[in-house]
PDB file of N, CA and C in Angstrom:
ATOM      1  N   MET A   1     279.115 125.125 305.596  1.00  0.00           N
ATOM      2  CA  MET A   1     279.392 126.025 304.494  1.00  0.00           C
ATOM      3  C   MET A   1     279.110 125.357 303.142  1.00  0.00           C
ATOM      4  N   SER A   2     279.518 124.106 302.983  1.00  0.00           N
ATOM      5  CA  SER A   2     279.321 123.447 301.696  1.00  0.00           C
ATOM      6  C   SER A   2     277.847 123.170 301.432  1.00  0.00           C
ATOM      7  N   ALA A   3     277.052 122.935 302.481  1.00  0.00           N
ATOM      8  CA  ALA A   3     275.616 122.729 302.287  1.00  0.00           C
ATOM      9  C   ALA A   3     274.958 123.999 301.765  1.00  0.00           C
ATOM     10  N   MET A   4     275.429 125.131 302.222  1.00  0.00           N
ATOM     11  CA  MET A   4     274.887 126.404 301.757  1.00  0.00           C
ATOM     12  C   MET A   4     275.237 126.628 300.286  1.00  0.00           C
ATOM     13  N   ILE A   5     276.452 126.299 299.908  1.00  0.00           N
ATOM     14  CA  ILE A   5     276.878 126.449 298.515  1.00  0.00           C
ATOM     15  C   ILE A   5     276.054 125.535 297.617  1.00  0.00           C
ATOM     16  N   ILE A   6     275.835 124.319 298.078  1.00  0.00           N
ATOM     17  CA  ILE A   6     275.018 123.377 297.293  1.00  0.00           C
ATOM     18  C   ILE A   6     273.594 123.896 297.162  1.00  0.00           C
ATOM     19  N   SER A   7     273.033 124.426 298.230  1.00  0.00           N
ATOM     20  CA  SER A   7     271.672 124.962 298.197  1.00  0.00           C
ATOM     21  C   SER A   7     271.561 126.150 297.248  1.00  0.00           C
ATOM     22  N   VAL A   8     272.514 127.049 297.325  1.00  0.00           N
ATOM     23  CA  VAL A   8     272.502 128.214 296.441  1.00  0.00           C
ATOM     24  C   VAL A   8     272.667 127.783 294.991  1.00  0.00           C
ATOM     25  N   THR A   9     273.567 126.843 294.751  1.00  0.00           N
ATOM     26  CA  THR A   9     273.775 126.340 293.387  1.00  0.00           C
ATOM     27  C   THR A   9     272.499 125.704 292.859  1.00  0.00           C
ATOM     28  N   PHE A  10     271.838 124.910 293.683  1.00  0.00           N
ATOM     29  CA  PHE A  10     270.586 124.282 293.282  1.00  0.00           C
ATOM     30  C   PHE A  10     269.531 125.332 292.951  1.00  0.00           C
ATOM     31  N   LEU A  11     269.410 126.341 293.782  1.00  0.00           N
ATOM     32  CA  LEU A  11     268.425 127.391 293.536  1.00  0.00           C
ATOM     33  C   LEU A  11     268.712 128.152 292.246  1.00  0.00           C
ATOM     34  N   ILE A  12     269.968 128.412 291.979  1.00  0.00           N
ATOM     35  CA  ILE A  12     270.348 129.105 290.737  1.00  0.00           C
ATOM     36  C   ILE A  12     270.004 128.245 289.530  1.00  0.00           C
ATOM     37  N   LEU A  13     270.354 126.960 289.580  1.00  0.00           N
ATOM     38  CA  LEU A  13     270.039 126.068 288.460  1.00  0.00           C
ATOM     39  C   LEU A  13     268.534 125.919 288.277  1.00  0.00           C
ATOM     40  N   PHE A  14     267.801 125.852 289.368  1.00  0.00           N
ATOM     41  CA  PHE A  14     266.347 125.768 289.300  1.00  0.00           C
ATOM     42  C   PHE A  14     265.760 127.020 288.650  1.00  0.00           C
ATOM     43  N   ALA A  15     266.246 128.188 289.061  1.00  0.00           N
ATOM     44  CA  ALA A  15     265.765 129.451 288.496  1.00  0.00           C
ATOM     45  C   ALA A  15     266.080 129.535 287.007  1.00  0.00           C
ATOM     46  N   LEU A  16     267.264 129.096 286.616  1.00  0.00           N
ATOM     47  CA  LEU A  16     267.615 129.108 285.188  1.00  0.00           C
ATOM     48  C   LEU A  16     266.730 128.152 284.409  1.00  0.00           C
ATOM     49  N   GLY A  17     266.433 127.009 285.003  1.00  0.00           N
ATOM     50  CA  GLY A  17     265.539 126.051 284.341  1.00  0.00           C
ATOM     51  C   GLY A  17     264.150 126.620 284.151  1.00  0.00           C
ATOM     52  N   ILE A  18     263.622 127.265 285.156  1.00  0.00           N
ATOM     53  CA  ILE A  18     262.300 127.894 285.068  1.00  0.00           C
ATOM     54  C   ILE A  18     262.321 129.017 284.033  1.00  0.00           C
ATOM     55  N   ALA A  19     263.386 129.799 284.009  1.00  0.00           N
ATOM     56  CA  ALA A  19     263.488 130.903 283.053  1.00  0.00           C
ATOM     57  C   ALA A  19     263.515 130.393 281.615  1.00  0.00           C
ATOM     58  N   GLY A  20     264.020 129.184 281.392  1.00  0.00           N
ATOM     59  CA  GLY A  20     264.115 128.634 280.045  1.00  0.00           C
ATOM     60  C   GLY A  20     262.838 127.975 279.550  1.00  0.00           C
ATOM     61  N   LEU A  21     261.885 127.726 280.445  1.00  0.00           N
ATOM     62  CA  LEU A  21     260.646 127.050 280.047  1.00  0.00           C
ATOM     63  C   LEU A  21     259.864 127.771 278.948  1.00  0.00           C
ATOM     64  N   PRO A  22     259.707 129.086 278.992  1.00  0.00           N
ATOM     65  CA  PRO A  22     258.974 129.736 277.893  1.00  0.00           C
ATOM     66  C   PRO A  22     259.628 129.516 276.528  1.00  0.00           C
ATOM     67  N   TYR A  23     260.941 129.485 276.491  1.00  0.00           N
ATOM     68  CA  TYR A  23     261.638 129.256 275.225  1.00  0.00           C
ATOM     69  C   TYR A  23     261.433 127.827 274.737  1.00  0.00           C
ATOM     70  N   LEU A  24     261.484 126.880 275.645  1.00  0.00           N
ATOM     71  CA  LEU A  24     261.239 125.488 275.259  1.00  0.00           C
ATOM     72  C   LEU A  24     259.805 125.305 274.777  1.00  0.00           C
ATOM     73  N   TYR A  25     258.856 125.945 275.451  1.00  0.00           N
ATOM     74  CA  TYR A  25     257.461 125.852 275.045  1.00  0.00           C
ATOM     75  C   TYR A  25     257.257 126.472 273.661  1.00  0.00           C
ATOM     76  N   ALA A  26     257.849 127.630 273.427  1.00  0.00           N
ATOM     77  CA  ALA A  26     257.720 128.289 272.118  1.00  0.00           C
ATOM     78  C   ALA A  26     258.318 127.421 271.014  1.00  0.00           C
ATOM     79  N   ALA A  27     259.462 126.818 271.286  1.00  0.00           N
ATOM     80  CA  ALA A  27     260.087 125.940 270.287  1.00  0.00           C
ATOM     81  C   ALA A  27     259.203 124.732 270.020  1.00  0.00           C
ATOM     82  N   TRP A  28     258.652 124.145 271.068  1.00  0.00           N
ATOM     83  CA  TRP A  28     257.779 122.986 270.902  1.00  0.00           C
ATOM     84  C   TRP A  28     256.538 123.338 270.089  1.00  0.00           C
ATOM     85  N   ARG A  29     255.942 124.485 270.369  1.00  0.00           N
ATOM     86  CA  ARG A  29     254.760 124.919 269.615  1.00  0.00           C
ATOM     87  C   ARG A  29     255.097 125.164 268.146  1.00  0.00           C
ATOM     88  N   ARG A  30     256.236 125.774 267.921  1.00  0.00           N
ATOM     89  CA  ARG A  30     256.648 126.098 266.556  1.00  0.00           C
ATOM     90  C   ARG A  30     256.902 124.841 265.747  1.00  0.00           C
ATOM     91  N   ILE A  31     257.575 123.888 266.344  1.00  0.00           N
ATOM     92  CA  ILE A  31     257.866 122.638 265.645  1.00  0.00           C
ATOM     93  C   ILE A  31     256.580 121.860 265.399  1.00  0.00           C
ATOM     94  N   GLY A  32     255.699 121.835 266.378  1.00  0.00           N
ATOM     95  CA  GLY A  32     254.453 121.099 266.237  1.00  0.00           C
ATOM     96  C   GLY A  32     253.484 121.723 265.252  1.00  0.00           C
ATOM     97  N   ALA A  33     253.610 122.998 264.986  1.00  0.00           N
ATOM     98  CA  ALA A  33     252.693 123.693 264.084  1.00  0.00           C
ATOM     99  C   ALA A  33     253.057 123.517 262.610  1.00  0.00           C
ATOM    100  N   ARG A  34     254.219 122.997 262.341  1.00  0.00           N
ATOM    101  CA  ARG A  34     254.632 122.837 260.946  1.00  0.00           C
ATOM    102  C   ARG A  34     253.776 121.778 260.261  1.00  0.00           C
ATOM    103  N   GLU A  35     253.390 122.073 259.042  1.00  0.00           N
ATOM    104  CA  GLU A  35     252.550 121.147 258.294  1.00  0.00           C
ATOM    105  C   GLU A  35     253.326 120.409 257.213  1.00  0.00           C
ATOM    106  N   ALA A  36     254.559 120.761 257.016  1.00  0.00           N
ATOM    107  CA  ALA A  36     255.349 120.143 255.953  1.00  0.00           C
ATOM    108  C   ALA A  36     256.720 119.773 256.503  1.00  0.00           C
ATOM    109  N   ASP A  37     257.550 119.248 255.614  1.00  0.00           N
ATOM    110  CA  ASP A  37     258.913 118.924 255.994  1.00  0.00           C
ATOM    111  C   ASP A  37     259.640 120.184 256.435  1.00  0.00           C
ATOM    112  N   LEU A  38     260.629 119.992 257.278  1.00  0.00           N
ATOM    113  CA  LEU A  38     261.482 121.118 257.643  1.00  0.00           C
ATOM    114  C   LEU A  38     262.129 121.689 256.389  1.00  0.00           C
ATOM    115  N   GLU A  39     262.369 122.966 256.424  1.00  0.00           N
ATOM    116  CA  GLU A  39     262.957 123.639 255.275  1.00  0.00           C
ATOM    117  C   GLU A  39     264.329 123.084 254.909  1.00  0.00           C
ATOM    118  N   ILE A  40     265.069 122.579 255.894  1.00  0.00           N
ATOM    119  CA  ILE A  40     266.406 122.054 255.602  1.00  0.00           C
ATOM    120  C   ILE A  40     266.342 120.941 254.559  1.00  0.00           C
ATOM    121  N   TRP A  41     265.336 120.073 254.665  1.00  0.00           N
ATOM    122  CA  TRP A  41     265.228 118.969 253.708  1.00  0.00           C
ATOM    123  C   TRP A  41     264.806 119.478 252.331  1.00  0.00           C
ATOM    124  N   ARG A  42     263.943 120.510 252.307  1.00  0.00           N
ATOM    125  CA  ARG A  42     263.517 121.078 251.029  1.00  0.00           C
ATOM    126  C   ARG A  42     264.675 121.806 250.345  1.00  0.00           C
ATOM    127  N   VAL A  43     265.495 122.512 251.135  1.00  0.00           N
ATOM    128  CA  VAL A  43     266.662 123.205 250.571  1.00  0.00           C
ATOM    129  C   VAL A  43     267.646 122.183 250.016  1.00  0.00           C
ATOM    130  N   MET A  44     267.889 121.114 250.776  1.00  0.00           N
ATOM    131  CA  MET A  44     268.812 120.081 250.296  1.00  0.00           C
ATOM    132  C   MET A  44     268.313 119.457 248.996  1.00  0.00           C
ATOM    133  N   ALA A  45     267.022 119.196 248.923  1.00  0.00           N
ATOM    134  CA  ALA A  45     266.468 118.613 247.692  1.00  0.00           C
ATOM    135  C   ALA A  45     266.593 119.585 246.531  1.00  0.00           C
ATOM    136  N   GLN A  46     266.303 120.851 246.765  1.00  0.00           N
ATOM    137  CA  GLN A  46     266.383 121.853 245.707  1.00  0.00           C
ATOM    138  C   GLN A  46     267.807 122.003 245.189  1.00  0.00           C
ATOM    139  N   ARG A  47     268.776 121.931 246.082  1.00  0.00           N
ATOM    140  CA  ARG A  47     270.174 122.120 245.687  1.00  0.00           C
ATOM    141  C   ARG A  47     270.862 120.817 245.304  1.00  0.00           C
ATOM    142  N   GLY A  48     270.161 119.690 245.362  1.00  0.00           N
ATOM    143  CA  GLY A  48     270.742 118.411 244.986  1.00  0.00           C
ATOM    144  C   GLY A  48     271.765 117.905 245.990  1.00  0.00           C
ATOM    145  N   ILE A  49     271.555 118.193 247.261  1.00  0.00           N
ATOM    146  CA  ILE A  49     272.493 117.808 248.313  1.00  0.00           C
ATOM    147  C   ILE A  49     272.053 116.494 248.927  1.00  0.00           C
ATOM    148  N   ASP A  50     272.992 115.574 249.048  1.00  0.00           N
ATOM    149  CA  ASP A  50     272.733 114.299 249.696  1.00  0.00           C
ATOM    150  C   ASP A  50     273.229 114.398 251.139  1.00  0.00           C
ATOM    151  N   PRO A  51     272.344 114.273 252.125  1.00  0.00           N
ATOM    152  CA  PRO A  51     272.766 114.426 253.519  1.00  0.00           C
ATOM    153  C   PRO A  51     273.670 113.304 254.023  1.00  0.00           C
ATOM    154  N   VAL A  52     273.902 112.302 253.217  1.00  0.00           N
ATOM    155  CA  VAL A  52     274.754 111.186 253.638  1.00  0.00           C
ATOM    156  C   VAL A  52     276.172 111.654 253.933  1.00  0.00           C
ATOM    157  N   GLY A  53     276.593 112.753 253.351  1.00  0.00           N
ATOM    158  CA  GLY A  53     277.943 113.258 253.561  1.00  0.00           C
ATOM    159  C   GLY A  53     278.161 113.899 254.923  1.00  0.00           C
ATOM    160  N   ALA A  54     277.100 114.059 255.711  1.00  0.00           N
ATOM    161  CA  ALA A  54     277.219 114.688 257.032  1.00  0.00           C
ATOM    162  C   ALA A  54     277.123 113.632 258.122  1.00  0.00           C
ATOM    163  N   THR A  55     277.769 113.889 259.227  1.00  0.00           N
ATOM    164  CA  THR A  55     277.668 112.975 260.363  1.00  0.00           C
ATOM    165  C   THR A  55     276.298 113.147 261.012  1.00  0.00           C
ATOM    166  N   PRO A  56     275.832 112.139 261.733  1.00  0.00           N
ATOM    167  CA  PRO A  56     274.543 112.274 262.426  1.00  0.00           C
ATOM    168  C   PRO A  56     274.510 113.462 263.393  1.00  0.00           C
ATOM    169  N   ALA A  57     275.611 113.715 264.078  1.00  0.00           N
ATOM    170  CA  ALA A  57     275.652 114.851 265.010  1.00  0.00           C
ATOM    171  C   ALA A  57     275.532 116.179 264.264  1.00  0.00           C
ATOM    172  N   THR A  58     276.187 116.279 263.124  1.00  0.00           N
ATOM    173  CA  THR A  58     276.108 117.497 262.317  1.00  0.00           C
ATOM    174  C   THR A  58     274.689 117.708 261.814  1.00  0.00           C
ATOM    175  N   LEU A  59     274.055 116.654 261.338  1.00  0.00           N
ATOM    176  CA  LEU A  59     272.672 116.764 260.874  1.00  0.00           C
ATOM    177  C   LEU A  59     271.721 117.112 262.020  1.00  0.00           C
ATOM    178  N   ALA A  60     271.954 116.548 263.183  1.00  0.00           N
ATOM    179  CA  ALA A  60     271.095 116.857 264.338  1.00  0.00           C
ATOM    180  C   ALA A  60     271.182 118.337 264.693  1.00  0.00           C
ATOM    181  N   ARG A  61     272.391 118.885 264.686  1.00  0.00           N
ATOM    182  CA  ARG A  61     272.545 120.320 264.970  1.00  0.00           C
ATOM    183  C   ARG A  61     271.872 121.156 263.890  1.00  0.00           C
ATOM    184  N   ALA A  62     272.021 120.749 262.632  1.00  0.00           N
ATOM    185  CA  ALA A  62     271.423 121.489 261.524  1.00  0.00           C
ATOM    186  C   ALA A  62     269.897 121.455 261.597  1.00  0.00           C
ATOM    187  N   VAL A  63     269.337 120.312 261.933  1.00  0.00           N
ATOM    188  CA  VAL A  63     267.880 120.202 262.064  1.00  0.00           C
ATOM    189  C   VAL A  63     267.389 121.069 263.211  1.00  0.00           C
ATOM    190  N   ARG A  64     268.114 121.083 264.325  1.00  0.00           N
ATOM    191  CA  ARG A  64     267.723 121.931 265.461  1.00  0.00           C
ATOM    192  C   ARG A  64     267.770 123.404 265.067  1.00  0.00           C
ATOM    193  N   ARG A  65     268.838 123.803 264.355  1.00  0.00           N
ATOM    194  CA  ARG A  65     268.929 125.208 263.927  1.00  0.00           C
ATOM    195  C   ARG A  65     267.778 125.554 262.995  1.00  0.00           C
ATOM    196  N   CYS A  66     267.422 124.632 262.109  1.00  0.00           N
ATOM    197  CA  CYS A  66     266.329 124.881 261.167  1.00  0.00           C
ATOM    198  C   CYS A  66     264.988 124.973 261.905  1.00  0.00           C
ATOM    199  N   ALA A  67     264.768 124.052 262.825  1.00  0.00           N
ATOM    200  CA  ALA A  67     263.491 124.043 263.551  1.00  0.00           C
ATOM    201  C   ALA A  67     263.286 125.310 264.369  1.00  0.00           C
ATOM    202  N   LEU A  68     264.356 125.884 264.864  1.00  0.00           N
ATOM    203  CA  LEU A  68     264.260 127.069 265.716  1.00  0.00           C
ATOM    204  C   LEU A  68     264.582 128.358 264.974  1.00  0.00           C
ATOM    205  N   CYS A  69     264.756 128.292 263.679  1.00  0.00           N
ATOM    206  CA  CYS A  69     265.164 129.445 262.883  1.00  0.00           C
ATOM    207  C   CYS A  69     264.066 130.520 262.848  1.00  0.00           C
ATOM    208  N   PRO A  70     264.443 131.769 263.021  1.00  0.00           N
ATOM    209  CA  PRO A  70     263.453 132.844 262.953  1.00  0.00           C
ATOM    210  C   PRO A  70     263.131 133.289 261.528  1.00  0.00           C
ATOM    211  N   SER A  71     263.797 132.713 260.530  1.00  0.00           N
ATOM    212  CA  SER A  71     263.640 133.165 259.140  1.00  0.00           C
ATOM    213  C   SER A  71     262.839 132.193 258.287  1.00  0.00           C
ATOM    214  N   ILE A  72     261.843 131.542 258.863  1.00  0.00           N
ATOM    215  CA  ILE A  72     261.080 130.539 258.121  1.00  0.00           C
ATOM    216  C   ILE A  72     260.363 131.157 256.924  1.00  0.00           C
ATOM    217  N   GLU A  73     259.743 132.314 257.121  1.00  0.00           N
ATOM    218  CA  GLU A  73     259.010 132.943 256.019  1.00  0.00           C
ATOM    219  C   GLU A  73     259.949 133.312 254.874  1.00  0.00           C
ATOM    220  N   GLU A  74     261.106 133.852 255.211  1.00  0.00           N
ATOM    221  CA  GLU A  74     262.082 134.210 254.184  1.00  0.00           C
ATOM    222  C   GLU A  74     262.580 132.967 253.457  1.00  0.00           C
ATOM    223  N   CYS A  75     262.788 131.889 254.191  1.00  0.00           N
ATOM    224  CA  CYS A  75     263.227 130.637 253.586  1.00  0.00           C
ATOM    225  C   CYS A  75     262.153 130.089 252.641  1.00  0.00           C
ATOM    226  N   ASP A  76     260.892 130.130 253.085  1.00  0.00           N
ATOM    227  CA  ASP A  76     259.803 129.662 252.228  1.00  0.00           C
ATOM    228  C   ASP A  76     259.730 130.471 250.937  1.00  0.00           C
ATOM    229  N   ARG A  77     259.907 131.792 251.046  1.00  0.00           N
ATOM    230  CA  ARG A  77     259.929 132.642 249.844  1.00  0.00           C
ATOM    231  C   ARG A  77     261.087 132.257 248.938  1.00  0.00           C
ATOM    232  N   TRP A  78     262.255 132.052 249.540  1.00  0.00           N
ATOM    233  CA  TRP A  78     263.453 131.685 248.786  1.00  0.00           C
ATOM    234  C   TRP A  78     263.222 130.361 248.051  1.00  0.00           C
ATOM    235  N   LEU A  79     262.620 129.404 248.722  1.00  0.00           N
ATOM    236  CA  LEU A  79     262.339 128.110 248.102  1.00  0.00           C
ATOM    237  C   LEU A  79     261.295 128.244 246.994  1.00  0.00           C
ATOM    238  N   ALA A  80     260.250 129.045 247.226  1.00  0.00           N
ATOM    239  CA  ALA A  80     259.191 129.222 246.226  1.00  0.00           C
ATOM    240  C   ALA A  80     259.711 129.885 244.962  1.00  0.00           C
ATOM    241  N   GLU A  81     260.673 130.782 245.115  1.00  0.00           N
ATOM    242  CA  GLU A  81     261.239 131.476 243.962  1.00  0.00           C
ATOM    243  C   GLU A  81     262.316 130.648 243.277  1.00  0.00           C
ATOM    244  N   ASN A  82     262.588 129.452 243.809  1.00  0.00           N
ATOM    245  CA  ASN A  82     263.562 128.531 243.230  1.00  0.00           C
ATOM    246  C   ASN A  82     264.928 129.189 243.068  1.00  0.00           C
ATOM    247  N   GLU A  83     265.313 129.938 244.085  1.00  0.00           N
ATOM    248  CA  GLU A  83     266.595 130.633 244.079  1.00  0.00           C
ATOM    249  C   GLU A  83     267.737 129.647 244.320  1.00  0.00           C
ATOM    250  N   HIS A  84     268.923 130.047 243.917  1.00  0.00           N
ATOM    251  CA  HIS A  84     270.118 129.264 244.220  1.00  0.00           C
ATOM    252  C   HIS A  84     271.151 130.102 244.955  1.00  0.00           C
ATOM    253  N   ASP A  85     270.984 131.402 244.933  1.00  0.00           N
ATOM    254  CA  ASP A  85     271.894 132.308 245.636  1.00  0.00           C
ATOM    255  C   ASP A  85     271.128 133.007 246.753  1.00  0.00           C
ATOM    256  N   GLY A  86     271.861 133.502 247.722  1.00  0.00           N
ATOM    257  CA  GLY A  86     271.262 134.301 248.779  1.00  0.00           C
ATOM    258  C   GLY A  86     270.896 133.537 250.039  1.00  0.00           C
ATOM    259  N   LEU A  87     271.109 132.240 250.052  1.00  0.00           N
ATOM    260  CA  LEU A  87     270.786 131.452 251.241  1.00  0.00           C
ATOM    261  C   LEU A  87     271.592 131.912 252.442  1.00  0.00           C
ATOM    262  N   ASP A  88     272.820 132.312 252.221  1.00  0.00           N
ATOM    263  CA  ASP A  88     273.702 132.722 253.318  1.00  0.00           C
ATOM    264  C   ASP A  88     273.262 134.024 253.985  1.00  0.00           C
ATOM    265  N   GLU A  89     272.315 134.732 253.387  1.00  0.00           N
ATOM    266  CA  GLU A  89     271.843 135.987 253.967  1.00  0.00           C
ATOM    267  C   GLU A  89     270.904 135.771 255.153  1.00  0.00           C
ATOM    268  N   PHE A  90     270.296 134.585 255.261  1.00  0.00           N
ATOM    269  CA  PHE A  90     269.330 134.367 256.342  1.00  0.00           C
ATOM    270  C   PHE A  90     269.401 132.983 256.972  1.00  0.00           C
ATOM    271  N   CYS A  91     270.042 132.032 256.338  1.00  0.00           N
ATOM    272  CA  CYS A  91     270.005 130.642 256.801  1.00  0.00           C
ATOM    273  C   CYS A  91     271.167 130.319 257.736  1.00  0.00           C
ATOM    274  N   PRO A  92     270.864 129.826 258.941  1.00  0.00           N
ATOM    275  CA  PRO A  92     271.938 129.451 259.854  1.00  0.00           C
ATOM    276  C   PRO A  92     272.674 128.189 259.407  1.00  0.00           C
ATOM    277  N   ASN A  93     272.130 127.487 258.424  1.00  0.00           N
ATOM    278  CA  ASN A  93     272.759 126.278 257.908  1.00  0.00           C
ATOM    279  C   ASN A  93     273.427 126.487 256.549  1.00  0.00           C
ATOM    280  N   ALA A  94     273.571 127.723 256.126  1.00  0.00           N
ATOM    281  CA  ALA A  94     274.131 128.009 254.804  1.00  0.00           C
ATOM    282  C   ALA A  94     275.548 127.455 254.647  1.00  0.00           C
ATOM    283  N   ALA A  95     276.356 127.574 255.684  1.00  0.00           N
ATOM    284  CA  ALA A  95     277.735 127.065 255.597  1.00  0.00           C
ATOM    285  C   ALA A  95     277.736 125.551 255.435  1.00  0.00           C
ATOM    286  N   LEU A  96     276.851 124.872 256.130  1.00  0.00           N
ATOM    287  CA  LEU A  96     276.756 123.416 255.984  1.00  0.00           C
ATOM    288  C   LEU A  96     276.280 123.052 254.586  1.00  0.00           C
ATOM    289  N   MET A  97     275.318 123.791 254.062  1.00  0.00           N
ATOM    290  CA  MET A  97     274.827 123.521 252.707  1.00  0.00           C
ATOM    291  C   MET A  97     275.965 123.698 251.697  1.00  0.00           C
ATOM    292  N   GLU A  98     276.756 124.729 251.913  1.00  0.00           N
ATOM    293  CA  GLU A  98     277.895 124.977 251.021  1.00  0.00           C
ATOM    294  C   GLU A  98     278.903 123.839 251.117  1.00  0.00           C
ATOM    295  N   LYS A  99     279.151 123.389 252.321  1.00  0.00           N
ATOM    296  CA  LYS A  99     280.118 122.311 252.548  1.00  0.00           C
ATOM    297  C   LYS A  99     279.633 120.998 251.913  1.00  0.00           C
ATOM    298  N   LEU A 100     278.361 120.678 252.086  1.00  0.00           N
ATOM    299  CA  LEU A 100     277.816 119.430 251.556  1.00  0.00           C
ATOM    300  C   LEU A 100     277.392 119.560 250.104  1.00  0.00           C
ATOM    301  N   GLY A 101     277.255 120.802 249.662  1.00  0.00           N
ATOM    302  CA  GLY A 101     276.553 121.092 248.430  1.00  0.00           C
ATOM    303  C   GLY A 101     277.125 120.559 247.140  1.00  0.00           C
ATOM    304  N   ALA A 102     276.198 120.190 246.321  1.00  0.00           N
ATOM    305  CA  ALA A 102     276.487 119.873 244.938  1.00  0.00           C
ATOM    306  C   ALA A 102     276.189 121.137 244.143  1.00  0.00           C
ATOM    307  N   ALA A 103     276.516 121.124 242.882  1.00  0.00           N
ATOM    308  CA  ALA A 103     276.188 122.269 242.028  1.00  0.00           C
ATOM    309  C   ALA A 103     274.665 122.398 241.953  1.00  0.00           C
ATOM    310  N   PRO A 104     274.136 123.629 242.050  1.00  0.00           N
ATOM    311  CA  PRO A 104     272.688 123.807 241.961  1.00  0.00           C
ATOM    312  C   PRO A 104     272.141 123.287 240.644  1.00  0.00           C
ATOM    313  N   ARG A 105     270.963 122.705 240.724  1.00  0.00           N
ATOM    314  CA  ARG A 105     270.324 122.174 239.505  1.00  0.00           C
ATOM    315  C   ARG A 105     269.685 123.280 238.710  1.00  0.00           C
TER     316      ARG A 105
END
């Protein structure tokens, strides 16, 4: 009985792993296609935020959220317009920026 449970569990985990491959491939392609710094670093520079105030784990999560963010075009527009408000409308890292944030320049 336990061998059957192990086999079924293995098959389920294998199927989930295979199902996740397209998402991993899309993320890899998206990250590799970028020609500039991630938007998170540009936003931090624009807002005068020093990332030293965040733990490495917090920054790693923020970078992952930025790399996989579906709002890259909106973020690029926001950065080009040199905005200081409205980041929370589309950015998954807006709360972190607020927490680490200095007064906008």
